């Protein structure tokens, strides 16, 4: 069985997504042939992860064009439907980036849009391998203990990208070099992307791991059980503040207290030079019942209200390194992101 995972692909006039809400129990694919289905899939986290959403943005324009041709949409209606794809999740910049990259090609026809979306996928997969090498080299230069023990939060592997992975890609690169002893996989409440998805990817890749509650991460770090932590990002501001899955900032604070590296890995397209700082990042607030219920069953008193921010912001001062395919900068030392950004938007 191949260990490689394809979470998203284009099939004639549809986007085919591996339904990550059902993993690890079931491996089911969702065919999106209209904008409603695609937007619903994005919002329900059938597909998630910044790089994967970039590909969804590109292919989503082509999908809307196919639907518009079938249903006789006006140009204004087509633009409005493309905007719905672009705005389906506000915190993750890559979704909008993918739409904006292919949108100017609409006048050239759907084949030109699909070809550009394919380029997004190919470039992302190559970028993931490159950033993984950069990140692994940086970590090996700074962590003396061998083999390494690492904490990671949420899911940043092939499921969250078009292939290989970002933060998890660094772990894979280190594992291929024989440098990983153990991965502490944070469960990642409330939807358990770590316990369900990252653990599944670790198992497929044969990487040693344990799953820990989010509340255990700081203790694991402060007890000296981890040598570094690495996470992904959904948006990196111009000042290197970073938005990622809720709970990430707690890991960063623990790393700062323990004096171990806290590394953020993402493609250069995630660096948003138009966003000045973390204070300018819109934090998606998801449905409260994701917190108060699990698998349809209540886990709180019936009148409890859930507070469910999907992301938090880690200040640049607590980030040891930000890694993209273009290189590594050290925000805690005052280095800026321009050299590792994919261009201003």
C-alpha atoms as a PDB file:
ATOM      1  CA  UNK A   1       0.000   0.000   0.000  1.00  0.00           C
ATOM      2  CA  UNK A   2       1.309   3.451  -0.912  1.00  0.00           C
ATOM      3  CA  UNK A   3       1.833   5.736   2.051  1.00  0.00           C
ATOM      4  CA  UNK A   4       1.247   8.856  -0.044  1.00  0.00           C
ATOM      5  CA  UNK A   5      -2.058  10.642   0.464  1.00  0.00           C
ATOM      6  CA  UNK A   6      -4.020  12.668  -2.096  1.00  0.00           C
ATOM      7  CA  UNK A   7      -6.502  14.826  -0.213  1.00  0.00           C
ATOM      8  CA  UNK A   8      -7.644  16.847  -3.244  1.00  0.00           C
ATOM      9  CA  UNK A   9      -7.769  16.273  -6.997  1.00  0.00           C
ATOM     10  CA  UNK A  10      -9.517  17.637 -10.071  1.00  0.00           C
ATOM     11  CA  UNK A  11     -11.671  15.212 -12.082  1.00  0.00           C
ATOM     12  CA  UNK A  12     -13.016  16.678 -15.367  1.00  0.00           C
ATOM     13  CA  UNK A  13     -15.493  19.193 -13.885  1.00  0.00           C
ATOM     14  CA  UNK A  14     -15.404  18.301 -10.203  1.00  0.00           C
ATOM     15  CA  UNK A  15     -13.172  18.645  -7.158  1.00  0.00           C
ATOM     16  CA  UNK A  16     -12.739  15.310  -5.372  1.00  0.00           C
ATOM     17  CA  UNK A  17     -11.913  15.596  -1.671  1.00  0.00           C
ATOM     18  CA  UNK A  18     -10.922  12.992   0.893  1.00  0.00           C
ATOM     19  CA  UNK A  19     -13.494  13.578   3.660  1.00  0.00           C
ATOM     20  CA  UNK A  20     -11.329  14.336   6.670  1.00  0.00           C
ATOM     21  CA  UNK A  21     -14.313  14.532   9.007  1.00  0.00           C
ATOM     22  CA  UNK A  22     -14.635  10.732   8.743  1.00  0.00           C
ATOM     23  CA  UNK A  23     -10.998   9.788   9.279  1.00  0.00           C
ATOM     24  CA  UNK A  24      -9.575   7.600  10.659  1.00  0.00           C
ATOM     25  CA  UNK A  25     -12.679   5.404  10.691  1.00  0.00           C
ATOM     26  CA  UNK A  26     -13.676   5.690   7.037  1.00  0.00           C
ATOM     27  CA  UNK A  27     -11.859   6.674   3.840  1.00  0.00           C
ATOM     28  CA  UNK A  28     -14.628   8.387   1.853  1.00  0.00           C
ATOM     29  CA  UNK A  29     -14.311  10.819  -1.061  1.00  0.00           C
ATOM     30  CA  UNK A  30     -16.683  13.723  -1.708  1.00  0.00           C
ATOM     31  CA  UNK A  31     -17.321  14.904  -5.260  1.00  0.00           C
ATOM     32  CA  UNK A  32     -17.993  18.649  -5.446  1.00  0.00           C
ATOM     33  CA  UNK A  33     -19.686  19.595  -8.719  1.00  0.00           C
ATOM     34  CA  UNK A  34     -21.279  22.853  -7.582  1.00  0.00           C
ATOM     35  CA  UNK A  35     -20.335  25.827  -5.445  1.00  0.00           C
ATOM     36  CA  UNK A  36     -22.816  24.998  -2.682  1.00  0.00           C
ATOM     37  CA  UNK A  37     -21.243  21.570  -2.135  1.00  0.00           C
ATOM     38  CA  UNK A  38     -17.722  22.977  -2.231  1.00  0.00           C
ATOM     39  CA  UNK A  39     -18.410  25.821   0.202  1.00  0.00           C
ATOM     40  CA  UNK A  40     -20.144  23.402   2.550  1.00  0.00           C
ATOM     41  CA  UNK A  41     -17.163  21.029   2.346  1.00  0.00           C
ATOM     42  CA  UNK A  42     -14.744  23.842   3.175  1.00  0.00           C
ATOM     43  CA  UNK A  43     -16.814  25.061   6.115  1.00  0.00           C
ATOM     44  CA  UNK A  44     -17.382  21.545   7.495  1.00  0.00           C
ATOM     45  CA  UNK A  45     -13.616  20.850   7.252  1.00  0.00           C
ATOM     46  CA  UNK A  46     -13.996  18.026   4.756  1.00  0.00           C
ATOM     47  CA  UNK A  47     -10.889  19.740   3.397  1.00  0.00           C
ATOM     48  CA  UNK A  48      -8.682  21.925   5.582  1.00  0.00           C
ATOM     49  CA  UNK A  49      -5.127  23.126   5.902  1.00  0.00           C
ATOM     50  CA  UNK A  50      -3.775  26.291   4.333  1.00  0.00           C
ATOM     51  CA  UNK A  51      -1.968  24.766   1.303  1.00  0.00           C
ATOM     52  CA  UNK A  52      -4.877  22.449   0.462  1.00  0.00           C
ATOM     53  CA  UNK A  53      -7.249  25.396   0.622  1.00  0.00           C
ATOM     54  CA  UNK A  54      -5.039  27.251  -1.854  1.00  0.00           C
ATOM     55  CA  UNK A  55      -5.619  24.436  -4.342  1.00  0.00           C
ATOM     56  CA  UNK A  56      -9.345  24.459  -3.530  1.00  0.00           C
ATOM     57  CA  UNK A  57      -9.412  28.173  -4.330  1.00  0.00           C
ATOM     58  CA  UNK A  58      -7.841  27.612  -7.731  1.00  0.00           C
ATOM     59  CA  UNK A  59      -9.977  24.646  -8.675  1.00  0.00           C
ATOM     60  CA  UNK A  60     -13.034  26.322  -7.159  1.00  0.00           C
ATOM     61  CA  UNK A  61     -12.975  29.022  -9.833  1.00  0.00           C
ATOM     62  CA  UNK A  62     -12.975  26.327 -12.534  1.00  0.00           C
ATOM     63  CA  UNK A  63     -15.798  24.495 -10.790  1.00  0.00           C
ATOM     64  CA  UNK A  64     -17.873  27.694 -10.681  1.00  0.00           C
ATOM     65  CA  UNK A  65     -17.205  28.292 -14.371  1.00  0.00           C
ATOM     66  CA  UNK A  66     -18.424  24.779 -15.251  1.00  0.00           C
ATOM     67  CA  UNK A  67     -21.547  25.232 -13.146  1.00  0.00           C
ATOM     68  CA  UNK A  68     -22.169  28.673 -14.616  1.00  0.00           C
ATOM     69  CA  UNK A  69     -22.017  27.274 -18.142  1.00  0.00           C
ATOM     70  CA  UNK A  70     -24.434  24.462 -17.242  1.00  0.00           C
ATOM     71  CA  UNK A  71     -26.899  26.799 -15.572  1.00  0.00           C
ATOM     72  CA  UNK A  72     -26.570  29.865 -17.777  1.00  0.00           C
ATOM     73  CA  UNK A  73     -25.173  32.264 -15.168  1.00  0.00           C
ATOM     74  CA  UNK A  74     -24.557  35.900 -15.961  1.00  0.00           C
ATOM     75  CA  UNK A  75     -20.990  37.233 -15.534  1.00  0.00           C
ATOM     76  CA  UNK A  76     -22.171  39.004 -12.366  1.00  0.00           C
ATOM     77  CA  UNK A  77     -23.552  35.774 -10.923  1.00  0.00           C
ATOM     78  CA  UNK A  78     -20.321  33.948 -11.731  1.00  0.00           C
ATOM     79  CA  UNK A  79     -18.278  36.607  -9.942  1.00  0.00           C
ATOM     80  CA  UNK A  80     -20.558  36.381  -6.908  1.00  0.00           C
ATOM     81  CA  UNK A  81     -20.202  32.593  -6.751  1.00  0.00           C
ATOM     82  CA  UNK A  82     -16.421  32.826  -7.050  1.00  0.00           C
ATOM     83  CA  UNK A  83     -16.507  35.289  -4.149  1.00  0.00           C
ATOM     84  CA  UNK A  84     -18.410  32.721  -2.092  1.00  0.00           C
ATOM     85  CA  UNK A  85     -15.590  30.238  -2.616  1.00  0.00           C
ATOM     86  CA  UNK A  86     -12.982  32.899  -1.804  1.00  0.00           C
ATOM     87  CA  UNK A  87     -14.651  33.897   1.463  1.00  0.00           C
ATOM     88  CA  UNK A  88     -15.693  30.470   2.744  1.00  0.00           C
ATOM     89  CA  UNK A  89     -13.095  30.594   5.566  1.00  0.00           C
ATOM     90  CA  UNK A  90     -11.804  34.046   6.490  1.00  0.00           C
ATOM     91  CA  UNK A  91      -8.701  33.312   8.576  1.00  0.00           C
ATOM     92  CA  UNK A  92      -6.834  31.074   6.114  1.00  0.00           C
ATOM     93  CA  UNK A  93      -5.264  33.390   3.529  1.00  0.00           C
ATOM     94  CA  UNK A  94      -4.431  30.639   1.027  1.00  0.00           C
ATOM     95  CA  UNK A  95      -8.043  30.068  -0.018  1.00  0.00           C
ATOM     96  CA  UNK A  96      -8.374  33.675  -1.174  1.00  0.00           C
ATOM     97  CA  UNK A  97      -4.851  33.554  -2.593  1.00  0.00           C
ATOM     98  CA  UNK A  98      -5.721  30.547  -4.774  1.00  0.00           C
ATOM     99  CA  UNK A  99      -8.862  32.223  -6.099  1.00  0.00           C
ATOM    100  CA  UNK A 100      -7.041  35.478  -6.778  1.00  0.00           C
ATOM    101  CA  UNK A 101      -4.219  33.714  -8.603  1.00  0.00           C
ATOM    102  CA  UNK A 102      -6.435  32.012 -11.181  1.00  0.00           C
ATOM    103  CA  UNK A 103      -9.271  34.546 -11.413  1.00  0.00           C
ATOM    104  CA  UNK A 104      -7.544  36.785 -13.995  1.00  0.00           C
ATOM    105  CA  UNK A 105      -7.446  33.792 -16.366  1.00  0.00           C
ATOM    106  CA  UNK A 106     -11.234  33.393 -16.537  1.00  0.00           C
ATOM    107  CA  UNK A 107     -11.358  35.297 -19.827  1.00  0.00           C
ATOM    108  CA  UNK A 108      -9.039  32.692 -21.346  1.00  0.00           C
ATOM    109  CA  UNK A 109     -11.457  29.890 -20.517  1.00  0.00           C
ATOM    110  CA  UNK A 110     -11.803  27.108 -18.024  1.00  0.00           C
ATOM    111  CA  UNK A 111      -8.882  25.077 -19.392  1.00  0.00           C
ATOM    112  CA  UNK A 112      -6.507  27.956 -18.623  1.00  0.00           C
ATOM    113  CA  UNK A 113      -7.916  28.210 -15.096  1.00  0.00           C
ATOM    114  CA  UNK A 114      -7.544  24.470 -14.483  1.00  0.00           C
ATOM    115  CA  UNK A 115      -3.985  24.524 -15.850  1.00  0.00           C
ATOM    116  CA  UNK A 116      -3.052  27.303 -13.414  1.00  0.00           C
ATOM    117  CA  UNK A 117      -4.688  25.417 -10.537  1.00  0.00           C
ATOM    118  CA  UNK A 118      -2.626  22.363 -11.490  1.00  0.00           C
ATOM    119  CA  UNK A 119       0.456  24.588 -11.282  1.00  0.00           C
ATOM    120  CA  UNK A 120      -0.571  25.646  -7.775  1.00  0.00           C
ATOM    121  CA  UNK A 121      -0.662  21.966  -6.775  1.00  0.00           C
ATOM    122  CA  UNK A 122       2.685  21.117  -8.373  1.00  0.00           C
ATOM    123  CA  UNK A 123       4.380  24.181  -6.904  1.00  0.00           C
ATOM    124  CA  UNK A 124       2.967  23.498  -3.433  1.00  0.00           C
ATOM    125  CA  UNK A 125       4.152  19.897  -3.356  1.00  0.00           C
ATOM    126  CA  UNK A 126       7.639  20.944  -4.458  1.00  0.00           C
ATOM    127  CA  UNK A 127       7.631  23.826  -1.972  1.00  0.00           C
ATOM    128  CA  UNK A 128       6.690  21.479   0.859  1.00  0.00           C
ATOM    129  CA  UNK A 129       9.679  19.269   0.167  1.00  0.00           C
ATOM    130  CA  UNK A 130      11.974  22.292   0.016  1.00  0.00           C
ATOM    131  CA  UNK A 131      10.690  23.910   3.204  1.00  0.00           C
ATOM    132  CA  UNK A 132      10.964  20.543   4.959  1.00  0.00           C
ATOM    133  CA  UNK A 133      14.664  20.374   4.100  1.00  0.00           C
ATOM    134  CA  UNK A 134      15.201  23.959   5.265  1.00  0.00           C
ATOM    135  CA  UNK A 135      13.367  23.310   8.529  1.00  0.00           C
ATOM    136  CA  UNK A 136      15.058  19.996   9.247  1.00  0.00           C
ATOM    137  CA  UNK A 137      18.506  21.470   8.640  1.00  0.00           C
ATOM    138  CA  UNK A 138      17.753  24.450  10.926  1.00  0.00           C
ATOM    139  CA  UNK A 139      16.506  22.170  13.723  1.00  0.00           C
ATOM    140  CA  UNK A 140      19.462  19.783  13.501  1.00  0.00           C
ATOM    141  CA  UNK A 141      21.861  22.706  13.839  1.00  0.00           C
ATOM    142  CA  UNK A 142      20.202  23.827  17.076  1.00  0.00           C
ATOM    143  CA  UNK A 143      19.088  20.646  18.853  1.00  0.00           C
ATOM    144  CA  UNK A 144      21.997  18.614  20.190  1.00  0.00           C
ATOM    145  CA  UNK A 145      20.081  15.615  21.494  1.00  0.00           C
ATOM    146  CA  UNK A 146      19.643  12.636  19.142  1.00  0.00           C
ATOM    147  CA  UNK A 147      17.260  11.268  18.150  1.00  0.00           C
ATOM    148  CA  UNK A 148      14.748  14.097  18.517  1.00  0.00           C
ATOM    149  CA  UNK A 149      11.440  14.315  20.334  1.00  0.00           C
ATOM    150  CA  UNK A 150       8.904  16.767  18.946  1.00  0.00           C
ATOM    151  CA  UNK A 151       5.522  18.240  19.845  1.00  0.00           C
ATOM    152  CA  UNK A 152       3.175  19.115  17.001  1.00  0.00           C
ATOM    153  CA  UNK A 153      -0.301  20.633  17.039  1.00  0.00           C
ATOM    154  CA  UNK A 154      -3.197  20.045  14.614  1.00  0.00           C
ATOM    155  CA  UNK A 155      -2.523  18.437  11.218  1.00  0.00           C
ATOM    156  CA  UNK A 156       0.033  19.687   8.711  1.00  0.00           C
ATOM    157  CA  UNK A 157       0.763  16.598   6.654  1.00  0.00           C
ATOM    158  CA  UNK A 158      -0.355  15.522   3.211  1.00  0.00           C
ATOM    159  CA  UNK A 159      -3.981  15.806   4.330  1.00  0.00           C
ATOM    160  CA  UNK A 160      -3.531  19.556   4.879  1.00  0.00           C
ATOM    161  CA  UNK A 161      -1.561  20.162   1.685  1.00  0.00           C
ATOM    162  CA  UNK A 162      -1.347  18.958  -1.894  1.00  0.00           C
ATOM    163  CA  UNK A 163       1.358  16.478  -0.908  1.00  0.00           C
ATOM    164  CA  UNK A 164       4.100  15.664   1.645  1.00  0.00           C
ATOM    165  CA  UNK A 165       3.264  18.292   4.288  1.00  0.00           C
ATOM    166  CA  UNK A 166       4.623  21.445   5.934  1.00  0.00           C
ATOM    167  CA  UNK A 167       5.319  21.142   9.675  1.00  0.00           C
ATOM    168  CA  UNK A 168       4.674  17.409   9.441  1.00  0.00           C
ATOM    169  CA  UNK A 169       6.815  17.419   6.311  1.00  0.00           C
ATOM    170  CA  UNK A 170       9.742  18.569   8.477  1.00  0.00           C
ATOM    171  CA  UNK A 171       9.036  15.666  10.818  1.00  0.00           C
ATOM    172  CA  UNK A 172       8.947  13.291   7.836  1.00  0.00           C
ATOM    173  CA  UNK A 173      12.257  14.665   6.555  1.00  0.00           C
ATOM    174  CA  UNK A 174      13.870  14.194   9.960  1.00  0.00           C
ATOM    175  CA  UNK A 175      12.401  10.697  10.237  1.00  0.00           C
ATOM    176  CA  UNK A 176      13.877   9.753   6.855  1.00  0.00           C
ATOM    177  CA  UNK A 177      17.266  10.837   8.235  1.00  0.00           C
ATOM    178  CA  UNK A 178      16.755   8.601  11.280  1.00  0.00           C
ATOM    179  CA  UNK A 179      16.514  11.593  13.605  1.00  0.00           C
ATOM    180  CA  UNK A 180      13.032  11.175  15.152  1.00  0.00           C
ATOM    181  CA  UNK A 181      12.590   9.272  18.396  1.00  0.00           C
ATOM    182  CA  UNK A 182       8.993  10.240  19.179  1.00  0.00           C
ATOM    183  CA  UNK A 183       6.258  12.619  18.058  1.00  0.00           C
ATOM    184  CA  UNK A 184       3.910  13.988  20.714  1.00  0.00           C
ATOM    185  CA  UNK A 185       0.695  14.541  18.744  1.00  0.00           C
ATOM    186  CA  UNK A 186      -1.612  17.052  20.415  1.00  0.00           C
ATOM    187  CA  UNK A 187      -5.191  15.805  20.079  1.00  0.00           C
ATOM    188  CA  UNK A 188      -6.297  19.321  18.946  1.00  0.00           C
ATOM    189  CA  UNK A 189      -9.682  20.036  20.441  1.00  0.00           C
ATOM    190  CA  UNK A 190     -12.481  20.348  19.651  1.00  0.00           C
ATOM    191  CA  UNK A 191     -12.405  18.390  16.358  1.00  0.00           C
ATOM    192  CA  UNK A 192      -9.338  16.244  17.121  1.00  0.00           C
ATOM    193  CA  UNK A 193      -7.381  16.898  13.931  1.00  0.00           C
ATOM    194  CA  UNK A 194      -4.258  15.698  15.714  1.00  0.00           C
ATOM    195  CA  UNK A 195      -5.727  12.545  17.223  1.00  0.00           C
ATOM    196  CA  UNK A 196      -7.662  11.634  14.075  1.00  0.00           C
ATOM    197  CA  UNK A 197      -5.464  12.904  11.252  1.00  0.00           C
ATOM    198  CA  UNK A 198      -1.858  13.453  12.326  1.00  0.00           C
ATOM    199  CA  UNK A 199      -1.811  10.162  14.235  1.00  0.00           C
ATOM    200  CA  UNK A 200      -3.208   8.448  11.115  1.00  0.00           C
ATOM    201  CA  UNK A 201      -0.444   9.959   8.994  1.00  0.00           C
ATOM    202  CA  UNK A 202       2.234   8.993  11.546  1.00  0.00           C
ATOM    203  CA  UNK A 203       0.972   5.421  11.453  1.00  0.00           C
ATOM    204  CA  UNK A 204       1.013   5.332   7.647  1.00  0.00           C
ATOM    205  CA  UNK A 205       4.568   6.684   7.572  1.00  0.00           C
ATOM    206  CA  UNK A 206       5.832   4.397  10.354  1.00  0.00           C
ATOM    207  CA  UNK A 207       6.853   7.342  12.545  1.00  0.00           C
ATOM    208  CA  UNK A 208       6.771   6.619  16.334  1.00  0.00           C
ATOM    209  CA  UNK A 209       4.113   8.726  18.064  1.00  0.00           C
ATOM    210  CA  UNK A 210       1.852   9.119  21.048  1.00  0.00           C
ATOM    211  CA  UNK A 211      -1.346  11.166  21.244  1.00  0.00           C
ATOM    212  CA  UNK A 212      -1.640  13.553  24.166  1.00  0.00           C
ATOM    213  CA  UNK A 213      -4.406  15.858  25.342  1.00  0.00           C
ATOM    214  CA  UNK A 214      -3.895  19.516  24.479  1.00  0.00           C
ATOM    215  CA  UNK A 215      -3.661  20.230  28.185  1.00  0.00           C
ATOM    216  CA  UNK A 216      -0.642  17.923  28.497  1.00  0.00           C
ATOM    217  CA  UNK A 217       1.500  19.701  25.898  1.00  0.00           C
ATOM    218  CA  UNK A 218       2.913  22.416  28.156  1.00  0.00           C
ATOM    219  CA  UNK A 219       3.798  19.894  30.839  1.00  0.00           C
ATOM    220  CA  UNK A 220       5.498  17.624  28.296  1.00  0.00           C
ATOM    221  CA  UNK A 221       7.638  20.551  27.162  1.00  0.00           C
ATOM    222  CA  UNK A 222       8.444  21.892  30.636  1.00  0.00           C
ATOM    223  CA  UNK A 223       9.379  18.412  31.906  1.00  0.00           C
ATOM    224  CA  UNK A 224      12.101  18.232  29.254  1.00  0.00           C
ATOM    225  CA  UNK A 225      10.402  15.474  27.271  1.00  0.00           C
ATOM    226  CA  UNK A 226      10.528  17.371  23.954  1.00  0.00           C
ATOM    227  CA  UNK A 227      13.430  18.937  22.052  1.00  0.00           C
ATOM    228  CA  UNK A 228      11.387  21.278  19.851  1.00  0.00           C
ATOM    229  CA  UNK A 229       7.870  21.972  18.637  1.00  0.00           C
ATOM    230  CA  UNK A 230       6.742  22.554  15.063  1.00  0.00           C
ATOM    231  CA  UNK A 231       3.355  23.726  13.807  1.00  0.00           C
ATOM    232  CA  UNK A 232       1.830  25.051  10.602  1.00  0.00           C
ATOM    233  CA  UNK A 233       0.163  28.387   9.895  1.00  0.00           C
ATOM    234  CA  UNK A 234      -2.986  29.658   8.248  1.00  0.00           C
ATOM    235  CA  UNK A 235      -1.738  33.242   7.980  1.00  0.00           C
ATOM    236  CA  UNK A 236       1.575  34.911   8.772  1.00  0.00           C
ATOM    237  CA  UNK A 237       1.391  38.677   9.201  1.00  0.00           C
ATOM    238  CA  UNK A 238       3.998  41.171   8.011  1.00  0.00           C
ATOM    239  CA  UNK A 239       5.450  41.418  11.541  1.00  0.00           C
ATOM    240  CA  UNK A 240       5.666  37.574  11.724  1.00  0.00           C
ATOM    241  CA  UNK A 241       2.728  37.132  14.120  1.00  0.00           C
ATOM    242  CA  UNK A 242       1.191  33.797  13.156  1.00  0.00           C
ATOM    243  CA  UNK A 243      -2.383  32.476  13.132  1.00  0.00           C
ATOM    244  CA  UNK A 244      -2.802  28.748  13.557  1.00  0.00           C
ATOM    245  CA  UNK A 245      -5.182  26.241  15.130  1.00  0.00           C
ATOM    246  CA  UNK A 246      -6.440  27.197  18.574  1.00  0.00           C
ATOM    247  CA  UNK A 247      -4.014  25.959  21.212  1.00  0.00           C
ATOM    248  CA  UNK A 248      -0.877  26.809  19.237  1.00  0.00           C
ATOM    249  CA  UNK A 249       0.021  29.838  21.334  1.00  0.00           C
ATOM    250  CA  UNK A 250       0.042  27.675  24.477  1.00  0.00           C
ATOM    251  CA  UNK A 251       2.699  25.467  22.906  1.00  0.00           C
ATOM    252  CA  UNK A 252       4.735  28.540  21.964  1.00  0.00           C
ATOM    253  CA  UNK A 253       4.617  29.940  25.489  1.00  0.00           C
ATOM    254  CA  UNK A 254       5.729  26.617  26.959  1.00  0.00           C
ATOM    255  CA  UNK A 255       8.627  26.404  24.498  1.00  0.00           C
ATOM    256  CA  UNK A 256       9.713  29.920  25.434  1.00  0.00           C
ATOM    257  CA  UNK A 257       9.651  28.996  29.126  1.00  0.00           C
ATOM    258  CA  UNK A 258      11.598  25.777  28.495  1.00  0.00           C
ATOM    259  CA  UNK A 259      14.113  27.388  26.147  1.00  0.00           C
ATOM    260  CA  UNK A 260      13.490  25.049  23.207  1.00  0.00           C
ATOM    261  CA  UNK A 261      12.764  26.010  19.576  1.00  0.00           C
ATOM    262  CA  UNK A 262       9.219  26.762  18.486  1.00  0.00           C
ATOM    263  CA  UNK A 263       9.064  26.496  14.694  1.00  0.00           C
ATOM    264  CA  UNK A 264       6.319  27.583  12.271  1.00  0.00           C
ATOM    265  CA  UNK A 265       6.319  26.021   8.787  1.00  0.00           C
ATOM    266  CA  UNK A 266       4.156  27.118   5.867  1.00  0.00           C
ATOM    267  CA  UNK A 267       4.429  27.847   2.146  1.00  0.00           C
ATOM    268  CA  UNK A 268       5.426  31.375   1.170  1.00  0.00           C
ATOM    269  CA  UNK A 269       1.859  32.005  -0.020  1.00  0.00           C
ATOM    270  CA  UNK A 270       0.773  31.950   3.645  1.00  0.00           C
ATOM    271  CA  UNK A 271       2.861  35.068   4.362  1.00  0.00           C
ATOM    272  CA  UNK A 272       0.407  37.951   4.014  1.00  0.00           C
ATOM    273  CA  UNK A 273       2.302  41.220   3.697  1.00  0.00           C
ATOM    274  CA  UNK A 274      -0.995  43.104   3.509  1.00  0.00           C
ATOM    275  CA  UNK A 275      -1.776  42.135   7.104  1.00  0.00           C
ATOM    276  CA  UNK A 276       0.356  44.208   9.440  1.00  0.00           C
ATOM    277  CA  UNK A 277       0.115  42.153  12.631  1.00  0.00           C
ATOM    278  CA  UNK A 278      -1.838  39.448  14.368  1.00  0.00           C
ATOM    279  CA  UNK A 279      -4.262  42.068  15.651  1.00  0.00           C
ATOM    280  CA  UNK A 280      -5.452  42.509  12.046  1.00  0.00           C
ATOM    281  CA  UNK A 281      -6.204  38.808  11.476  1.00  0.00           C
ATOM    282  CA  UNK A 282      -9.881  37.892  11.560  1.00  0.00           C
ATOM    283  CA  UNK A 283     -10.364  34.911  13.870  1.00  0.00           C
ATOM    284  CA  UNK A 284     -13.027  32.507  12.630  1.00  0.00           C
ATOM    285  CA  UNK A 285     -15.613  31.738  15.296  1.00  0.00           C
ATOM    286  CA  UNK A 286     -17.155  28.340  14.682  1.00  0.00           C
ATOM    287  CA  UNK A 287     -20.368  26.818  16.014  1.00  0.00           C
ATOM    288  CA  UNK A 288     -20.440  26.413  19.789  1.00  0.00           C
ATOM    289  CA  UNK A 289     -21.825  22.904  19.604  1.00  0.00           C
ATOM    290  CA  UNK A 290     -18.456  21.668  18.305  1.00  0.00           C
ATOM    291  CA  UNK A 291     -17.314  22.280  21.887  1.00  0.00           C
ATOM    292  CA  UNK A 292     -20.430  21.182  23.766  1.00  0.00           C
ATOM    293  CA  UNK A 293     -21.158  17.998  21.794  1.00  0.00           C
ATOM    294  CA  UNK A 294     -19.193  15.057  20.350  1.00  0.00           C
ATOM    295  CA  UNK A 295     -20.556  12.629  17.748  1.00  0.00           C
ATOM    296  CA  UNK A 296     -24.002  14.088  18.345  1.00  0.00           C
ATOM    297  CA  UNK A 297     -23.927  13.523  22.100  1.00  0.00           C
ATOM    298  CA  UNK A 298     -23.870  16.362  24.662  1.00  0.00           C
ATOM    299  CA  UNK A 299     -20.734  16.649  26.790  1.00  0.00           C
ATOM    300  CA  UNK A 300     -21.900  19.655  28.845  1.00  0.00           C
ATOM    301  CA  UNK A 301     -25.061  20.740  30.663  1.00  0.00           C
ATOM    302  CA  UNK A 302     -27.887  21.309  28.206  1.00  0.00           C
ATOM    303  CA  UNK A 303     -27.869  25.087  28.675  1.00  0.00           C
ATOM    304  CA  UNK A 304     -24.083  25.485  28.214  1.00  0.00           C
ATOM    305  CA  UNK A 305     -22.922  27.804  25.441  1.00  0.00           C
ATOM    306  CA  UNK A 306     -19.758  26.912  23.564  1.00  0.00           C
ATOM    307  CA  UNK A 307     -17.051  29.486  22.772  1.00  0.00           C
ATOM    308  CA  UNK A 308     -15.219  28.163  19.751  1.00  0.00           C
ATOM    309  CA  UNK A 309     -12.519  30.317  18.115  1.00  0.00           C
ATOM    310  CA  UNK A 310     -10.915  28.148  15.450  1.00  0.00           C
ATOM    311  CA  UNK A 311      -7.526  29.884  15.588  1.00  0.00           C
ATOM    312  CA  UNK A 312      -5.250  31.842  17.860  1.00  0.00           C
ATOM    313  CA  UNK A 313      -2.341  34.198  17.168  1.00  0.00           C
ATOM    314  CA  UNK A 314       1.199  33.572  18.369  1.00  0.00           C
ATOM    315  CA  UNK A 315       3.204  36.808  18.715  1.00  0.00           C
ATOM    316  CA  UNK A 316       6.430  36.899  16.718  1.00  0.00           C
ATOM    317  CA  UNK A 317       8.471  37.267  19.909  1.00  0.00           C
ATOM    318  CA  UNK A 318       7.670  33.645  20.813  1.00  0.00           C
ATOM    319  CA  UNK A 319       8.510  32.166  17.395  1.00  0.00           C
ATOM    320  CA  UNK A 320      12.042  30.808  17.040  1.00  0.00           C
ATOM    321  CA  UNK A 321      11.812  30.274  13.286  1.00  0.00           C
ATOM    322  CA  UNK A 322       9.406  30.687  10.397  1.00  0.00           C
ATOM    323  CA  UNK A 323      10.194  28.340   7.532  1.00  0.00           C
ATOM    324  CA  UNK A 324       8.960  28.562   3.955  1.00  0.00           C
ATOM    325  CA  UNK A 325      10.371  27.058   0.776  1.00  0.00           C
ATOM    326  CA  UNK A 326      12.332  30.309   0.343  1.00  0.00           C
ATOM    327  CA  UNK A 327      14.279  29.951   3.576  1.00  0.00           C
ATOM    328  CA  UNK A 328      14.186  30.503   7.332  1.00  0.00           C
ATOM    329  CA  UNK A 329      13.886  33.673   9.419  1.00  0.00           C
ATOM    330  CA  UNK A 330      14.056  34.027  13.198  1.00  0.00           C
ATOM    331  CA  UNK A 331      11.299  36.417  14.361  1.00  0.00           C
ATOM    332  CA  UNK A 332      12.330  36.271  18.027  1.00  0.00           C
ATOM    333  CA  UNK A 333      15.593  37.903  16.917  1.00  0.00           C
ATOM    334  CA  UNK A 334      13.734  40.618  15.023  1.00  0.00           C
ATOM    335  CA  UNK A 335      14.131  39.175  11.513  1.00  0.00           C
ATOM    336  CA  UNK A 336      11.323  40.100   9.098  1.00  0.00           C
ATOM    337  CA  UNK A 337       9.299  37.930   6.741  1.00  0.00           C
ATOM    338  CA  UNK A 338       9.850  39.732   3.429  1.00  0.00           C
ATOM    339  CA  UNK A 339      12.680  37.403   2.376  1.00  0.00           C
ATOM    340  CA  UNK A 340      10.511  34.299   2.788  1.00  0.00           C
ATOM    341  CA  UNK A 341       7.258  35.719   1.387  1.00  0.00           C
ATOM    342  CA  UNK A 342       5.726  34.787  -1.916  1.00  0.00           C
ATOM    343  CA  UNK A 343       5.037  38.390  -2.892  1.00  0.00           C
ATOM    344  CA  UNK A 344       2.769  41.114  -1.582  1.00  0.00           C
ATOM    345  CA  UNK A 345      -0.968  40.807  -2.009  1.00  0.00           C
END
